[in-house]
Amino acid sequence: MEKLVRRISKQQECLDLWDTASKDLLKWKNPESFAEQIHDLRVLGKKLRALYYFFKPILDCRLLEKEKHRVKMAMSSLGSIRDSHVSLDVLRKIKKDDPQLIIPNEIDRLLEEQSLEWNQNQSFSNGEKMDASKKLASAMEVLLEAKEKLLSQLAKRAIEKKIILERLTKGFQAVKKTMQRAIKEESADSFHRWRLKTKRFYYLLDLCMRQNASKELSKVLKKFKQIEQLLGQAHDFHVLASFLMNRKYLKEGQNKSFKNFILLLDTLEKEKEKKALSVAKKVVTADFEKNIQRIVT
């Protein structure tokens, strides 16, 4: 009887976050579109990295470091392909939102060439080259294998509420720290680091919410998602501006409109960052940090 009581007590101190929640969180739908495959694989990779962080205390450390590195390399190769497609999408959206805006035709050509180059000629660190579709397949193999390894490592394993609370608190503190640094530095790099920590924390909250689907937590989750999306849009504007600023061979007479477009991208980037800060002030608070323990009860 005493052993039974201890076992029940132990169960009450743990949460089984894995069997249903993680499988749902790591679901891979294998879309047909090339662009959607890039996007969905990058999302899967980011979720894997977030879960490596979250479950670090109960994972085999040698396997963890090896898998983290493999996933990071796969994500890096997908990111280079993704940026070329996103820059074109950003330009098209700007044109749609403001048809009267004067944009040098050379910019379209530069982005089309960049996209074509990435699709046909992706380089590995060892100098070998591979077209984008093959590189996508290689990254997909790595990420799906990493997903299955993580699932098998954590299958039917409960995690102590104390550890969950510690990981959530540490994740939130990273969000707060990088946010404060972004406010201080006002640089694209600092806002991007803030975004990465926010996205990771969002995935951790999403995992916990599958056990505690309260209306209050749902609202908080949406706020963190909104912050991450705004910072992501700001980053996309910055990537496009950085690419264009490195191009020196514009035709004569286009310099003024080209510079004006760069200034517009900078303005749009700053607007998204400002909106993200406005939303963050409602949730990245000392009160929320104090109440994190309610998420795992």
Protein backbone atom coordinates (compact mmCIF):
# COMPACT_ATOMS: atom_id res chain seq x y z
CA MET A 1 0.00 0.00 0.00
CA GLU A 2 2.81 2.39 0.93
CA LYS A 3 4.58 1.65 -2.38
CA LEU A 4 1.34 2.33 -4.27
CA VAL A 5 0.93 5.69 -2.52
CA ARG A 6 4.52 6.63 -3.38
CA ARG A 7 3.98 5.62 -7.00
CA ILE A 8 0.78 7.67 -7.28
CA SER A 9 2.52 10.62 -5.65
CA LYS A 10 5.37 10.32 -8.15
CA GLN A 11 2.92 10.20 -11.05
CA GLN A 12 1.26 13.36 -9.81
CA GLU A 13 4.66 15.09 -9.89
CA CYS A 14 5.15 14.16 -13.55
CA LEU A 15 3.55 14.98 -16.86
CA ASP A 16 3.48 12.73 -19.89
CA LEU A 17 3.98 15.38 -22.55
CA TRP A 18 5.16 13.01 -25.18
CA ASP A 19 2.91 10.25 -26.48
CA THR A 20 0.26 12.41 -28.13
CA ALA A 21 1.49 16.00 -27.80
CA SER A 22 4.94 15.62 -29.32
CA LYS A 23 3.79 13.42 -32.18
CA ASP A 24 1.24 16.08 -33.05
CA LEU A 25 3.80 18.86 -32.65
CA LEU A 26 6.25 17.07 -34.96
CA LYS A 27 3.68 16.00 -37.54
CA TRP A 28 5.08 15.94 -41.09
CA LYS A 29 2.46 16.33 -43.84
CA ASN A 30 4.88 16.14 -46.81
CA PRO A 31 3.29 18.87 -48.99
CA GLU A 32 3.66 18.63 -52.79
CA SER A 33 4.82 22.21 -53.35
CA PHE A 34 8.60 22.75 -53.29
CA ALA A 35 8.25 26.05 -51.40
CA GLU A 36 5.89 24.48 -48.85
CA GLN A 37 8.27 21.57 -48.33
CA ILE A 38 11.08 24.03 -47.58
CA HIS A 39 8.84 25.92 -45.15
CA ASP A 40 7.44 22.84 -43.40
CA LEU A 41 10.85 21.20 -43.05
CA ARG A 42 12.29 24.37 -41.53
CA VAL A 43 9.38 24.46 -39.07
CA LEU A 44 10.03 20.81 -38.19
CA GLY A 45 13.71 21.55 -37.66
CA LYS A 46 12.95 24.50 -35.38
CA LYS A 47 10.56 22.37 -33.34
CA LEU A 48 13.19 19.65 -33.02
CA ARG A 49 15.75 22.16 -31.76
CA ALA A 50 13.23 23.58 -29.28
CA LEU A 51 12.46 20.10 -27.97
CA TYR A 52 16.15 19.21 -27.71
CA TYR A 53 16.43 22.24 -25.44
CA PHE A 54 13.31 21.39 -23.46
CA PHE A 55 14.12 17.72 -22.89
CA LYS A 56 17.89 18.17 -22.49
CA PRO A 57 17.89 16.98 -18.81
CA ILE A 58 16.54 13.55 -19.76
CA LEU A 59 18.25 12.96 -23.12
CA ASP A 60 21.50 11.12 -23.78
CA CYS A 61 24.01 14.00 -23.97
CA ARG A 62 26.24 12.43 -26.67
CA LEU A 63 23.32 11.61 -28.93
CA LEU A 64 21.82 15.04 -28.25
CA GLU A 65 24.93 16.95 -29.39
CA LYS A 66 25.28 14.79 -32.49
CA GLU A 67 21.63 15.20 -33.50
CA LYS A 68 21.63 18.94 -32.74
CA HIS A 69 24.58 19.40 -35.10
CA ARG A 70 23.01 17.35 -37.91
CA VAL A 71 19.73 19.25 -37.62
CA LYS A 72 21.54 22.59 -37.52
CA MET A 73 23.43 21.80 -40.76
CA ALA A 74 20.24 20.66 -42.49
CA MET A 75 18.46 23.83 -41.37
CA SER A 76 21.32 25.97 -42.67
CA SER A 77 21.09 24.49 -46.16
CA LEU A 78 17.31 24.93 -46.21
CA GLY A 79 17.67 28.53 -45.03
CA SER A 80 19.81 29.55 -47.99
CA ILE A 81 17.20 28.20 -50.43
CA ARG A 82 14.35 29.74 -48.46
CA ASP A 83 15.82 33.28 -48.41
CA SER A 84 15.94 33.51 -52.21
CA HIS A 85 12.25 32.57 -52.52
CA VAL A 86 11.12 34.79 -49.63
CA SER A 87 12.85 37.86 -51.06
CA LEU A 88 10.81 37.50 -54.25
CA ASP A 89 7.61 37.07 -52.23
CA VAL A 90 8.41 40.18 -50.15
CA LEU A 91 8.96 42.24 -53.31
CA ARG A 92 5.67 41.04 -54.84
CA LYS A 93 3.75 41.89 -51.66
CA ILE A 94 5.25 45.40 -51.53
CA LYS A 95 4.23 45.97 -55.16
CA LYS A 96 0.72 44.71 -54.44
CA ASP A 97 0.33 46.90 -51.35
CA ASP A 98 1.58 50.01 -53.16
CA PRO A 99 1.15 49.77 -56.97
CA GLN A 100 2.29 53.41 -57.39
CA LEU A 101 5.67 52.73 -55.81
CA ILE A 102 8.60 53.19 -58.20
CA ILE A 103 10.83 50.13 -58.00
CA PRO A 104 13.81 49.69 -60.37
CA ASN A 105 13.25 46.82 -62.81
CA GLU A 106 16.81 45.74 -62.06
CA ILE A 107 15.70 44.55 -58.62
CA ASP A 108 13.31 42.00 -60.15
CA ARG A 109 16.09 40.72 -62.37
CA LEU A 110 18.56 40.44 -59.49
CA LEU A 111 16.11 38.46 -57.35
CA GLU A 112 15.09 36.17 -60.20
CA GLU A 113 18.75 35.45 -60.91
CA GLN A 114 19.42 34.81 -57.23
CA SER A 115 16.51 32.38 -57.00
CA LEU A 116 17.60 30.55 -60.15
CA GLU A 117 21.19 30.36 -58.92
CA TRP A 118 20.13 28.88 -55.56
CA ASN A 119 17.86 26.37 -57.28
CA GLN A 120 20.53 25.16 -59.69
CA ASN A 121 23.78 25.51 -57.80
CA GLN A 122 23.76 24.81 -54.06
CA SER A 123 27.22 24.39 -52.51
CA PHE A 124 28.30 22.22 -49.60
CA SER A 125 31.10 23.20 -47.22
CA ASN A 126 33.43 20.68 -48.91
CA GLY A 127 33.03 22.44 -52.28
CA GLU A 128 30.67 19.90 -53.83
CA LYS A 129 27.57 21.24 -55.56
CA MET A 130 24.01 19.94 -55.66
CA ASP A 131 20.79 21.32 -57.11
CA ALA A 132 18.19 22.60 -54.65
CA SER A 133 15.79 19.66 -55.06
CA LYS A 134 18.51 17.15 -54.16
CA LYS A 135 19.65 19.30 -51.26
CA LEU A 136 16.05 19.46 -50.08
CA ALA A 137 15.83 15.66 -50.22
CA SER A 138 19.07 15.35 -48.24
CA ALA A 139 17.86 17.76 -45.55
CA MET A 140 14.49 16.01 -45.42
CA GLU A 141 16.17 12.66 -44.78
CA VAL A 142 18.21 14.14 -41.91
CA LEU A 143 15.25 15.88 -40.26
CA LEU A 144 12.80 12.98 -40.53
CA GLU A 145 15.42 10.59 -39.16
CA ALA A 146 16.12 13.01 -36.28
CA LYS A 147 12.40 13.21 -35.58
CA GLU A 148 12.09 9.42 -35.28
CA LYS A 149 15.15 9.20 -33.03
CA LEU A 150 13.72 11.80 -30.69
CA LEU A 151 10.34 10.07 -30.64
CA SER A 152 11.93 6.73 -29.77
CA GLN A 153 14.10 8.29 -27.03
CA LEU A 154 11.13 9.85 -25.31
CA ALA A 155 8.38 7.33 -26.01
CA LYS A 156 6.25 6.67 -22.91
CA ARG A 157 8.58 8.71 -20.71
CA ALA A 158 7.11 11.14 -18.24
CA ILE A 159 8.99 14.25 -17.23
CA GLU A 160 8.93 15.71 -13.74
CA LYS A 161 6.89 18.88 -13.34
CA LYS A 162 9.89 20.42 -11.58
CA ILE A 163 12.02 19.97 -14.70
CA ILE A 164 9.25 21.31 -16.95
CA LEU A 165 8.97 24.38 -14.78
CA GLU A 166 12.75 24.90 -14.81
CA ARG A 167 12.96 24.61 -18.61
CA LEU A 168 9.99 26.92 -19.19
CA THR A 169 11.40 29.49 -16.77
CA LYS A 170 14.83 29.34 -18.37
CA GLY A 171 13.29 29.62 -21.84
CA PHE A 172 11.26 32.65 -20.81
CA GLN A 173 14.29 34.31 -19.23
CA ALA A 174 16.13 33.90 -22.55
CA VAL A 175 13.22 35.65 -24.31
CA LYS A 176 13.31 38.49 -21.79
CA LYS A 177 17.08 38.87 -21.97
CA THR A 178 17.24 38.99 -25.77
CA MET A 179 14.28 41.38 -25.88
CA GLN A 180 16.04 43.78 -23.52
CA ARG A 181 19.19 43.52 -25.63
CA ALA A 182 17.20 44.27 -28.80
CA ILE A 183 15.70 47.37 -27.17
CA LYS A 184 19.18 48.52 -26.16
CA GLU A 185 21.05 47.75 -29.39
CA GLU A 186 18.26 48.39 -31.93
CA SER A 187 20.11 46.18 -34.43
CA ALA A 188 18.71 43.65 -36.89
CA ASP A 189 20.94 40.96 -35.38
CA SER A 190 19.67 41.56 -31.83
CA PHE A 191 16.03 41.48 -32.98
CA HIS A 192 16.73 38.26 -34.88
CA ARG A 193 18.21 36.62 -31.75
CA TRP A 194 15.13 37.73 -29.82
CA ARG A 195 12.96 36.14 -32.48
CA LEU A 196 14.79 32.80 -32.24
CA LYS A 197 14.36 32.63 -28.46
CA THR A 198 10.71 33.68 -28.78
CA LYS A 199 9.99 30.99 -31.37
CA ARG A 200 11.63 28.35 -29.19
CA PHE A 201 9.58 29.43 -26.17
CA TYR A 202 6.42 29.46 -28.27
CA TYR A 203 6.96 25.81 -29.21
CA LEU A 204 7.53 24.90 -25.55
CA LEU A 205 4.30 26.63 -24.56
CA ASP A 206 2.51 24.91 -27.42
CA LEU A 207 3.68 21.53 -26.13
CA CYS A 208 2.52 22.29 -22.58
CA MET A 209 -0.78 23.71 -23.77
CA ARG A 210 -1.72 20.32 -25.18
CA GLN A 211 -1.92 19.22 -21.54
CA ASN A 212 -3.42 22.46 -20.20
CA ALA A 213 -5.67 24.01 -22.84
CA SER A 214 -6.94 26.91 -20.74
CA LYS A 215 -8.33 30.05 -22.40
CA GLU A 216 -5.78 32.16 -20.55
CA LEU A 217 -2.84 30.13 -21.84
CA SER A 218 -4.32 30.09 -25.33
CA LYS A 219 -4.33 33.90 -25.38
CA VAL A 220 -0.72 34.05 -24.18
CA LEU A 221 0.32 31.50 -26.81
CA LYS A 222 -1.23 33.63 -29.56
CA LYS A 223 0.66 36.70 -28.32
CA PHE A 224 4.02 34.91 -28.48
CA LYS A 225 3.14 33.62 -31.94
CA GLN A 226 2.29 37.17 -33.04
CA ILE A 227 5.60 38.50 -31.70
CA GLU A 228 7.53 35.80 -33.54
CA GLN A 229 5.67 36.47 -36.81
CA LEU A 230 6.26 40.23 -36.64
CA LEU A 231 9.96 39.70 -35.96
CA GLY A 232 10.09 37.18 -38.81
CA GLN A 233 8.61 39.74 -41.22
CA ALA A 234 11.14 42.33 -40.02
CA HIS A 235 13.94 39.83 -40.65
CA ASP A 236 12.68 39.16 -44.20
CA PHE A 237 12.78 42.89 -45.00
CA HIS A 238 16.32 43.02 -43.62
CA VAL A 239 17.47 40.01 -45.67
CA LEU A 240 16.14 41.60 -48.87
CA ALA A 241 17.72 44.98 -48.07
CA SER A 242 21.08 43.36 -47.26
CA PHE A 243 21.06 41.43 -50.52
CA LEU A 244 20.30 44.56 -52.57
CA MET A 245 22.85 46.75 -50.77
CA ASN A 246 25.59 44.32 -51.80
CA ARG A 247 24.80 44.79 -55.50
CA LYS A 248 26.90 47.54 -57.12
CA TYR A 249 25.98 47.29 -60.78
CA LEU A 250 22.76 49.27 -61.14
CA LYS A 251 22.09 51.14 -64.37
CA GLU A 252 22.62 54.88 -64.40
CA GLY A 253 19.51 56.79 -63.39
CA GLN A 254 18.28 54.01 -61.09
CA ASN A 255 20.36 54.97 -58.05
CA LYS A 256 17.80 57.34 -56.53
CA SER A 257 14.82 54.97 -56.79
CA PHE A 258 17.05 52.10 -55.67
CA LYS A 259 18.15 54.00 -52.54
CA ASN A 260 14.55 55.02 -51.85
CA PHE A 261 13.50 51.37 -52.00
CA ILE A 262 16.24 50.40 -49.54
CA LEU A 263 14.99 53.16 -47.21
CA LEU A 264 11.44 51.80 -47.56
CA LEU A 265 12.61 48.31 -46.58
CA ASP A 266 14.37 49.77 -43.55
CA THR A 267 11.20 51.64 -42.55
CA LEU A 268 9.06 48.51 -42.93
CA GLU A 269 11.57 46.51 -40.87
CA LYS A 270 11.49 49.09 -38.06
CA GLU A 271 7.67 49.18 -38.10
CA LYS A 272 7.46 45.41 -37.59
CA GLU A 273 10.01 45.56 -34.77
CA LYS A 274 8.05 48.35 -33.09
CA LYS A 275 4.81 46.35 -33.32
CA ALA A 276 6.53 43.27 -31.88
CA LEU A 277 7.76 45.31 -28.90
CA SER A 278 4.26 46.68 -28.37
CA VAL A 279 2.78 43.17 -28.20
CA ALA A 280 5.66 41.87 -26.06
CA LYS A 281 5.08 44.46 -23.35
CA LYS A 282 1.76 42.71 -22.64
CA VAL A 283 3.20 39.23 -22.08
CA VAL A 284 6.96 39.42 -21.45
CA THR A 285 6.39 40.59 -17.90
CA ALA A 286 7.45 39.76 -14.35
CA ASP A 287 3.86 38.70 -13.59
CA PHE A 288 3.91 36.12 -16.37
CA GLU A 289 7.22 34.72 -15.14
CA LYS A 290 5.78 34.34 -11.64
CA ASN A 291 2.76 32.48 -13.01
CA ILE A 292 4.62 30.04 -15.26
CA GLN A 293 4.09 27.27 -12.70
CA ARG A 294 0.34 27.42 -13.38
CA ILE A 295 1.03 26.12 -16.87
CA VAL A 296 2.20 22.74 -15.57
CA THR A 297 -0.42 22.24 -12.86
